[in-house]
Amino acid sequence: MNDRTQYINYSAQVDECRYYRDQLWTAPELLRMTTRPINGTQKADVYSFAIILQEIMFRAEPYFIDMEPPQSMTRDCTFIIMCFSEM
């Protein structure tokens, strides 16, 4: 295998990894659709926002599971919800 073939294979793997990584914030109902709405849906936005909040709260990758949440989590969640409800 020459250098060009190795680069093409690596590039395809990186692109595939990036594609699936970007799907982590997509709501399951949108993933099941063959044709997705251009602007998404409000329910999908809420789902994505919840994933982002989890990342902020745990300071970890999406879908991180920790059996002992941080002590400040309730206070932080309340603060975030209050900030967004005032918008």
PDB file of N, CA and C in Angstrom:
ATOM      1  N   MET A   1       0.850  -1.172   0.000  1.00  0.00           N
ATOM      2  CA  MET A   1       0.000   0.000   0.000  1.00  0.00           C
ATOM      3  C   MET A   1       0.901   1.243   0.000  1.00  0.00           C
ATOM      4  N   ASN A   2       0.638   2.177  -0.921  1.00  0.00           N
ATOM      5  CA  ASN A   2       1.474   3.370  -0.981  1.00  0.00           C
ATOM      6  C   ASN A   2       0.953   4.457  -0.029  1.00  0.00           C
ATOM      7  N   ASP A   3       1.711   5.552   0.073  1.00  0.00           N
ATOM      8  CA  ASP A   3       1.354   6.640   0.995  1.00  0.00           C
ATOM      9  C   ASP A   3       0.012   7.267   0.648  1.00  0.00           C
ATOM     10  N   ARG A   4      -0.263   7.415  -0.638  1.00  0.00           N
ATOM     11  CA  ARG A   4      -1.527   8.030  -1.056  1.00  0.00           C
ATOM     12  C   ARG A   4      -2.724   7.172  -0.627  1.00  0.00           C
ATOM     13  N   THR A   5      -2.628   5.878  -0.783  1.00  0.00           N
ATOM     14  CA  THR A   5      -3.710   4.968  -0.382  1.00  0.00           C
ATOM     15  C   THR A   5      -3.913   5.021   1.122  1.00  0.00           C
ATOM     16  N   GLN A   6      -2.811   5.055   1.864  1.00  0.00           N
ATOM     17  CA  GLN A   6      -2.920   5.152   3.318  1.00  0.00           C
ATOM     18  C   GLN A   6      -3.593   6.457   3.715  1.00  0.00           C
ATOM     19  N   TYR A   7      -3.259   7.563   3.039  1.00  0.00           N
ATOM     20  CA  TYR A   7      -3.868   8.861   3.350  1.00  0.00           C
ATOM     21  C   TYR A   7      -5.366   8.841   3.044  1.00  0.00           C
ATOM     22  N   ILE A   8      -5.738   8.260   1.902  1.00  0.00           N
ATOM     23  CA  ILE A   8      -7.151   8.200   1.525  1.00  0.00           C
ATOM     24  C   ILE A   8      -7.930   7.365   2.541  1.00  0.00           C
ATOM     25  N   ASN A   9      -7.388   6.227   2.941  1.00  0.00           N
ATOM     26  CA  ASN A   9      -8.056   5.391   3.942  1.00  0.00           C
ATOM     27  C   ASN A   9      -8.195   6.131   5.266  1.00  0.00           C
ATOM     28  N   TYR A  10      -7.136   6.803   5.698  1.00  0.00           N
ATOM     29  CA  TYR A  10      -7.179   7.565   6.948  1.00  0.00           C
ATOM     30  C   TYR A  10      -8.191   8.697   6.842  1.00  0.00           C
ATOM     31  N   SER A  11      -8.193   9.390   5.721  1.00  0.00           N
ATOM     32  CA  SER A  11      -9.121  10.496   5.514  1.00  0.00           C
ATOM     33  C   SER A  11     -10.566  10.019   5.577  1.00  0.00           C
ATOM     34  N   ALA A  12     -10.856   8.882   4.969  1.00  0.00           N
ATOM     35  CA  ALA A  12     -12.212   8.321   5.003  1.00  0.00           C
ATOM     36  C   ALA A  12     -12.608   7.955   6.423  1.00  0.00           C
ATOM     37  N   GLN A  13     -11.677   7.399   7.189  1.00  0.00           N
ATOM     38  CA  GLN A  13     -11.961   7.040   8.580  1.00  0.00           C
ATOM     39  C   GLN A  13     -12.234   8.279   9.419  1.00  0.00           C
ATOM     40  N   VAL A  14     -11.453   9.333   9.207  1.00  0.00           N
ATOM     41  CA  VAL A  14     -11.643  10.580   9.945  1.00  0.00           C
ATOM     42  C   VAL A  14     -12.991  11.198   9.598  1.00  0.00           C
ATOM     43  N   ASP A  15     -13.331  11.219   8.318  1.00  0.00           N
ATOM     44  CA  ASP A  15     -14.610  11.772   7.896  1.00  0.00           C
ATOM     45  C   ASP A  15     -15.777  10.977   8.482  1.00  0.00           C
ATOM     46  N   GLU A  16     -15.657   9.655   8.485  1.00  0.00           N
ATOM     47  CA  GLU A  16     -16.719   8.816   9.039  1.00  0.00           C
ATOM     48  C   GLU A  16     -16.851   9.060  10.543  1.00  0.00           C
ATOM     49  N   CYS A  17     -15.737   9.144  11.233  1.00  0.00           N
ATOM     50  CA  CYS A  17     -15.746   9.404  12.675  1.00  0.00           C
ATOM     51  C   CYS A  17     -16.394  10.763  12.957  1.00  0.00           C
ATOM     52  N   ARG A  18     -16.021  11.772  12.205  1.00  0.00           N
ATOM     53  CA  ARG A  18     -16.580  13.119  12.378  1.00  0.00           C
ATOM     54  C   ARG A  18     -18.086  13.106  12.119  1.00  0.00           C
ATOM     55  N   TYR A  19     -18.515  12.390  11.093  1.00  0.00           N
ATOM     56  CA  TYR A  19     -19.934  12.306  10.760  1.00  0.00           C
ATOM     57  C   TYR A  19     -20.724  11.728  11.936  1.00  0.00           C
ATOM     58  N   TYR A  20     -20.277  10.589  12.472  1.00  0.00           N
ATOM     59  CA  TYR A  20     -21.003   9.955  13.572  1.00  0.00           C
ATOM     60  C   TYR A  20     -20.885  10.751  14.860  1.00  0.00           C
ATOM     61  N   ARG A  21     -19.750  11.391  15.093  1.00  0.00           N
ATOM     62  CA  ARG A  21     -19.600  12.231  16.282  1.00  0.00           C
ATOM     63  C   ARG A  21     -20.598  13.376  16.251  1.00  0.00           C
ATOM     64  N   ASP A  22     -20.785  13.980  15.090  1.00  0.00           N
ATOM     65  CA  ASP A  22     -21.722  15.098  14.972  1.00  0.00           C
ATOM     66  C   ASP A  22     -23.169  14.660  15.183  1.00  0.00           C
ATOM     67  N   GLN A  23     -23.463  13.390  15.009  1.00  0.00           N
ATOM     68  CA  GLN A  23     -24.826  12.880  15.197  1.00  0.00           C
ATOM     69  C   GLN A  23     -25.196  12.745  16.677  1.00  0.00           C
ATOM     70  N   LEU A  24     -24.223  12.857  17.583  1.00  0.00           N
ATOM     71  CA  LEU A  24     -24.489  12.686  19.009  1.00  0.00           C
ATOM     72  C   LEU A  24     -25.482  13.714  19.553  1.00  0.00           C
ATOM     73  N   TRP A  25     -25.580  14.868  18.922  1.00  0.00           N
ATOM     74  CA  TRP A  25     -26.465  15.926  19.398  1.00  0.00           C
ATOM     75  C   TRP A  25     -27.798  15.932  18.648  1.00  0.00           C
ATOM     76  N   THR A  26     -27.992  14.980  17.756  1.00  0.00           N
ATOM     77  CA  THR A  26     -29.206  14.924  16.942  1.00  0.00           C
ATOM     78  C   THR A  26     -30.249  14.051  17.621  1.00  0.00           C
ATOM     79  N   ALA A  27     -31.476  14.547  17.676  1.00  0.00           N
ATOM     80  CA  ALA A  27     -32.564  13.805  18.311  1.00  0.00           C
ATOM     81  C   ALA A  27     -32.823  12.500  17.566  1.00  0.00           C
ATOM     82  N   PRO A  28     -33.142  11.432  18.301  1.00  0.00           N
ATOM     83  CA  PRO A  28     -33.367  10.121  17.673  1.00  0.00           C
ATOM     84  C   PRO A  28     -34.442  10.139  16.591  1.00  0.00           C
ATOM     85  N   GLU A  29     -35.505  10.919  16.803  1.00  0.00           N
ATOM     86  CA  GLU A  29     -36.566  10.936  15.790  1.00  0.00           C
ATOM     87  C   GLU A  29     -36.080  11.530  14.472  1.00  0.00           C
ATOM     88  N   LEU A  30     -35.122  12.457  14.533  1.00  0.00           N
ATOM     89  CA  LEU A  30     -34.552  13.002  13.299  1.00  0.00           C
ATOM     90  C   LEU A  30     -33.619  11.999  12.635  1.00  0.00           C
ATOM     91  N   LEU A  31     -32.913  11.215  13.436  1.00  0.00           N
ATOM     92  CA  LEU A  31     -32.013  10.203  12.875  1.00  0.00           C
ATOM     93  C   LEU A  31     -32.786   9.141  12.102  1.00  0.00           C
ATOM     94  N   ARG A  32     -34.019   8.883  12.529  1.00  0.00           N
ATOM     95  CA  ARG A  32     -34.833   7.852  11.868  1.00  0.00           C
ATOM     96  C   ARG A  32     -35.444   8.337  10.555  1.00  0.00           C
ATOM     97  N   MET A  33     -35.500   9.652  10.361  1.00  0.00           N
ATOM     98  CA  MET A  33     -36.130  10.207   9.157  1.00  0.00           C
ATOM     99  C   MET A  33     -35.214  10.054   7.947  1.00  0.00           C
ATOM    100  N   THR A  34     -35.794   9.713   6.804  1.00  0.00           N
ATOM    101  CA  THR A  34     -34.994   9.647   5.583  1.00  0.00           C
ATOM    102  C   THR A  34     -34.769  11.050   5.034  1.00  0.00           C
ATOM    103  N   THR A  35     -35.760  11.924   5.192  1.00  0.00           N
ATOM    104  CA  THR A  35     -35.628  13.327   4.787  1.00  0.00           C
ATOM    105  C   THR A  35     -35.901  14.188   6.010  1.00  0.00           C
ATOM    106  N   ARG A  36     -34.871  14.858   6.496  1.00  0.00           N
ATOM    107  CA  ARG A  36     -35.003  15.671   7.706  1.00  0.00           C
ATOM    108  C   ARG A  36     -35.455  17.076   7.361  1.00  0.00           C
ATOM    109  N   PRO A  37     -36.247  17.709   8.267  1.00  0.00           N
ATOM    110  CA  PRO A  37     -36.623  19.113   8.058  1.00  0.00           C
ATOM    111  C   PRO A  37     -35.366  19.996   8.041  1.00  0.00           C
ATOM    112  N   ILE A  38     -35.328  20.963   7.173  1.00  0.00           N
ATOM    113  CA  ILE A  38     -34.151  21.826   7.043  1.00  0.00           C
ATOM    114  C   ILE A  38     -33.833  22.534   8.353  1.00  0.00           C
ATOM    115  N   ASN A  39     -34.855  23.041   9.016  1.00  0.00           N
ATOM    116  CA  ASN A  39     -34.652  23.787  10.264  1.00  0.00           C
ATOM    117  C   ASN A  39     -34.824  22.922  11.500  1.00  0.00           C
ATOM    118  N   GLY A  40     -34.958  21.616  11.341  1.00  0.00           N
ATOM    119  CA  GLY A  40     -35.152  20.740  12.483  1.00  0.00           C
ATOM    120  C   GLY A  40     -36.546  20.911  13.072  1.00  0.00           C
ATOM    121  N   THR A  41     -36.688  20.553  14.350  1.00  0.00           N
ATOM    122  CA  THR A  41     -37.964  20.709  15.045  1.00  0.00           C
ATOM    123  C   THR A  41     -37.693  21.267  16.432  1.00  0.00           C
ATOM    124  N   GLN A  42     -38.737  21.790  17.054  1.00  0.00           N
ATOM    125  CA  GLN A  42     -38.572  22.334  18.401  1.00  0.00           C
ATOM    126  C   GLN A  42     -38.205  21.209  19.379  1.00  0.00           C
ATOM    127  N   LYS A  43     -38.826  20.049  19.253  1.00  0.00           N
ATOM    128  CA  LYS A  43     -38.507  18.922  20.132  1.00  0.00           C
ATOM    129  C   LYS A  43     -37.050  18.495  19.974  1.00  0.00           C
ATOM    130  N   ALA A  44     -36.564  18.501  18.753  1.00  0.00           N
ATOM    131  CA  ALA A  44     -35.160  18.129  18.513  1.00  0.00           C
ATOM    132  C   ALA A  44     -34.221  19.165  19.111  1.00  0.00           C
ATOM    133  N   ASP A  45     -34.616  20.431  19.055  1.00  0.00           N
ATOM    134  CA  ASP A  45     -33.801  21.486  19.666  1.00  0.00           C
ATOM    135  C   ASP A  45     -33.708  21.301  21.182  1.00  0.00           C
ATOM    136  N   VAL A  46     -34.821  20.940  21.800  1.00  0.00           N
ATOM    137  CA  VAL A  46     -34.836  20.705  23.248  1.00  0.00           C
ATOM    138  C   VAL A  46     -33.926  19.520  23.584  1.00  0.00           C
ATOM    139  N   TYR A  47     -33.986  18.468  22.789  1.00  0.00           N
ATOM    140  CA  TYR A  47     -33.136  17.294  22.991  1.00  0.00           C
ATOM    141  C   TYR A  47     -31.656  17.696  22.909  1.00  0.00           C
ATOM    142  N   SER A  48     -31.293  18.410  21.861  1.00  0.00           N
ATOM    143  CA  SER A  48     -29.898  18.828  21.675  1.00  0.00           C
ATOM    144  C   SER A  48     -29.443  19.726  22.808  1.00  0.00           C
ATOM    145  N   PHE A  49     -30.315  20.621  23.236  1.00  0.00           N
ATOM    146  CA  PHE A  49     -29.979  21.531  24.338  1.00  0.00           C
ATOM    147  C   PHE A  49     -29.727  20.737  25.624  1.00  0.00           C
ATOM    148  N   ALA A  50     -30.532  19.705  25.863  1.00  0.00           N
ATOM    149  CA  ALA A  50     -30.340  18.878  27.062  1.00  0.00           C
ATOM    150  C   ALA A  50     -28.990  18.162  27.020  1.00  0.00           C
ATOM    151  N   ILE A  51     -28.591  17.693  25.852  1.00  0.00           N
ATOM    152  CA  ILE A  51     -27.279  17.040  25.724  1.00  0.00           C
ATOM    153  C   ILE A  51     -26.167  18.045  26.033  1.00  0.00           C
ATOM    154  N   ILE A  52     -26.306  19.253  25.531  1.00  0.00           N
ATOM    155  CA  ILE A  52     -25.302  20.297  25.786  1.00  0.00           C
ATOM    156  C   ILE A  52     -25.257  20.645  27.270  1.00  0.00           C
ATOM    157  N   LEU A  53     -26.432  20.747  27.909  1.00  0.00           N
ATOM    158  CA  LEU A  53     -26.456  21.012  29.354  1.00  0.00           C
ATOM    159  C   LEU A  53     -25.749  19.910  30.134  1.00  0.00           C
ATOM    160  N   GLN A  54     -25.955  18.659  29.720  1.00  0.00           N
ATOM    161  CA  GLN A  54     -25.275  17.556  30.396  1.00  0.00           C
ATOM    162  C   GLN A  54     -23.759  17.698  30.253  1.00  0.00           C
ATOM    163  N   GLU A  55     -23.309  18.089  29.079  1.00  0.00           N
ATOM    164  CA  GLU A  55     -21.872  18.279  28.870  1.00  0.00           C
ATOM    165  C   GLU A  55     -21.331  19.380  29.777  1.00  0.00           C
ATOM    166  N   ILE A  56     -22.091  20.454  29.907  1.00  0.00           N
ATOM    167  CA  ILE A  56     -21.668  21.572  30.760  1.00  0.00           C
ATOM    168  C   ILE A  56     -21.627  21.139  32.219  1.00  0.00           C
ATOM    169  N   MET A  57     -22.680  20.466  32.657  1.00  0.00           N
ATOM    170  CA  MET A  57     -22.780  20.092  34.060  1.00  0.00           C
ATOM    171  C   MET A  57     -21.698  19.099  34.485  1.00  0.00           C
ATOM    172  N   PHE A  58     -21.451  18.102  33.655  1.00  0.00           N
ATOM    173  CA  PHE A  58     -20.474  17.068  34.006  1.00  0.00           C
ATOM    174  C   PHE A  58     -19.076  17.362  33.481  1.00  0.00           C
ATOM    175  N   ARG A  59     -18.981  18.382  32.618  1.00  0.00           N
ATOM    176  CA  ARG A  59     -17.701  18.708  31.987  1.00  0.00           C
ATOM    177  C   ARG A  59     -17.099  17.450  31.355  1.00  0.00           C
ATOM    178  N   ALA A  60     -17.938  16.777  30.553  1.00  0.00           N
ATOM    179  CA  ALA A  60     -17.542  15.505  29.934  1.00  0.00           C
ATOM    180  C   ALA A  60     -18.209  15.378  28.567  1.00  0.00           C
ATOM    181  N   GLU A  61     -17.873  14.317  27.873  1.00  0.00           N
ATOM    182  CA  GLU A  61     -18.433  14.035  26.553  1.00  0.00           C
ATOM    183  C   GLU A  61     -19.935  13.772  26.637  1.00  0.00           C
ATOM    184  N   PRO A  62     -20.656  13.848  25.515  1.00  0.00           N
ATOM    185  CA  PRO A  62     -22.084  13.526  25.526  1.00  0.00           C
ATOM    186  C   PRO A  62     -22.330  12.100  26.030  1.00  0.00           C
ATOM    187  N   TYR A  63     -23.418  11.926  26.748  1.00  0.00           N
ATOM    188  CA  TYR A  63     -23.862  10.638  27.279  1.00  0.00           C
ATOM    189  C   TYR A  63     -22.963  10.087  28.373  1.00  0.00           C
ATOM    190  N   PHE A  64     -22.151  10.949  28.969  1.00  0.00           N
ATOM    191  CA  PHE A  64     -21.318  10.548  30.093  1.00  0.00           C
ATOM    192  C   PHE A  64     -22.231  10.176  31.257  1.00  0.00           C
ATOM    193  N   ILE A  65     -21.933   9.070  31.926  1.00  0.00           N
ATOM    194  CA  ILE A  65     -22.732   8.641  33.070  1.00  0.00           C
ATOM    195  C   ILE A  65     -21.835   8.604  34.294  1.00  0.00           C
ATOM    196  N   ASP A  66     -22.237   9.339  35.319  1.00  0.00           N
ATOM    197  CA  ASP A  66     -21.500   9.365  36.575  1.00  0.00           C
ATOM    198  C   ASP A  66     -22.500   9.039  37.682  1.00  0.00           C
ATOM    199  N   MET A  67     -22.167   8.096  38.489  1.00  0.00           N
ATOM    200  CA  MET A  67     -23.097   7.679  39.533  1.00  0.00           C
ATOM    201  C   MET A  67     -23.188   8.703  40.663  1.00  0.00           C
ATOM    202  N   GLU A  68     -22.209   9.561  40.789  1.00  0.00           N
ATOM    203  CA  GLU A  68     -22.227  10.595  41.829  1.00  0.00           C
ATOM    204  C   GLU A  68     -22.121  11.966  41.178  1.00  0.00           C
ATOM    205  N   PRO A  69     -23.262  12.624  40.952  1.00  0.00           N
ATOM    206  CA  PRO A  69     -23.216  13.937  40.315  1.00  0.00           C
ATOM    207  C   PRO A  69     -22.553  14.970  41.219  1.00  0.00           C
ATOM    208  N   PRO A  70     -22.017  16.022  40.622  1.00  0.00           N
ATOM    209  CA  PRO A  70     -21.381  17.073  41.424  1.00  0.00           C
ATOM    210  C   PRO A  70     -22.361  17.667  42.437  1.00  0.00           C
ATOM    211  N   GLN A  71     -21.856  18.088  43.582  1.00  0.00           N
ATOM    212  CA  GLN A  71     -22.698  18.654  44.636  1.00  0.00           C
ATOM    213  C   GLN A  71     -23.439  19.908  44.176  1.00  0.00           C
ATOM    214  N   SER A  72     -22.800  20.666  43.311  1.00  0.00           N
ATOM    215  CA  SER A  72     -23.383  21.936  42.882  1.00  0.00           C
ATOM    216  C   SER A  72     -24.368  21.769  41.730  1.00  0.00           C
ATOM    217  N   MET A  73     -24.650  20.531  41.306  1.00  0.00           N
ATOM    218  CA  MET A  73     -25.464  20.319  40.116  1.00  0.00           C
ATOM    219  C   MET A  73     -26.864  20.916  40.249  1.00  0.00           C
ATOM    220  N   THR A  74     -27.528  20.715  41.352  1.00  0.00           N
ATOM    221  CA  THR A  74     -28.887  21.244  41.524  1.00  0.00           C
ATOM    222  C   THR A  74     -28.868  22.767  41.448  1.00  0.00           C
ATOM    223  N   ARG A  75     -27.907  23.373  42.121  1.00  0.00           N
ATOM    224  CA  ARG A  75     -27.796  24.837  42.106  1.00  0.00           C
ATOM    225  C   ARG A  75     -27.503  25.331  40.687  1.00  0.00           C
ATOM    226  N   ASP A  76     -26.598  24.669  39.982  1.00  0.00           N
ATOM    227  CA  ASP A  76     -26.241  25.081  38.627  1.00  0.00           C
ATOM    228  C   ASP A  76     -27.407  24.913  37.662  1.00  0.00           C
ATOM    229  N   CYS A  77     -28.123  23.787  37.778  1.00  0.00           N
ATOM    230  CA  CYS A  77     -29.281  23.547  36.903  1.00  0.00           C
ATOM    231  C   CYS A  77     -30.343  24.616  37.128  1.00  0.00           C
ATOM    232  N   THR A  78     -30.603  24.935  38.367  1.00  0.00           N
ATOM    233  CA  THR A  78     -31.597  25.962  38.692  1.00  0.00           C
ATOM    234  C   THR A  78     -31.183  27.298  38.099  1.00  0.00           C
ATOM    235  N   PHE A  79     -29.918  27.648  38.218  1.00  0.00           N
ATOM    236  CA  PHE A  79     -29.420  28.913  37.688  1.00  0.00           C
ATOM    237  C   PHE A  79     -29.574  28.971  36.168  1.00  0.00           C
ATOM    238  N   ILE A  80     -29.207  27.903  35.489  1.00  0.00           N
ATOM    239  CA  ILE A  80     -29.300  27.863  34.023  1.00  0.00           C
ATOM    240  C   ILE A  80     -30.752  27.975  33.569  1.00  0.00           C
ATOM    241  N   ILE A  81     -31.633  27.237  34.234  1.00  0.00           N
ATOM    242  CA  ILE A  81     -33.052  27.286  33.860  1.00  0.00           C
ATOM    243  C   ILE A  81     -33.603  28.689  34.080  1.00  0.00           C
ATOM    244  N   MET A  82     -33.233  29.317  35.178  1.00  0.00           N
ATOM    245  CA  MET A  82     -33.717  30.690  35.445  1.00  0.00           C
ATOM    246  C   MET A  82     -33.204  31.666  34.398  1.00  0.00           C
ATOM    247  N   CYS A  83     -31.958  31.515  34.004  1.00  0.00           N
ATOM    248  CA  CYS A  83     -31.385  32.424  32.981  1.00  0.00           C
ATOM    249  C   CYS A  83     -32.124  32.294  31.662  1.00  0.00           C
ATOM    250  N   PHE A  84     -32.422  31.067  31.247  1.00  0.00           N
ATOM    251  CA  PHE A  84     -33.090  30.872  29.960  1.00  0.00           C
ATOM    252  C   PHE A  84     -34.577  31.210  30.019  1.00  0.00           C
ATOM    253  N   SER A  85     -35.181  31.108  31.193  1.00  0.00           N
ATOM    254  CA  SER A  85     -36.610  31.437  31.275  1.00  0.00           C
ATOM    255  C   SER A  85     -36.829  32.940  31.230  1.00  0.00           C
ATOM    256  N   GLU A  86     -35.789  33.731  31.518  1.00  0.00           N
ATOM    257  CA  GLU A  86     -35.916  35.194  31.463  1.00  0.00           C
ATOM    258  C   GLU A  86     -35.738  35.742  30.051  1.00  0.00           C
ATOM    259  N   MET A  87     -35.323  34.898  29.108  1.00  0.00           N
ATOM    260  CA  MET A  87     -35.080  35.357  27.744  1.00  0.00           C
ATOM    261  C   MET A  87     -36.366  35.618  27.004  1.00  0.00           C
TER     262      MET A  87
END
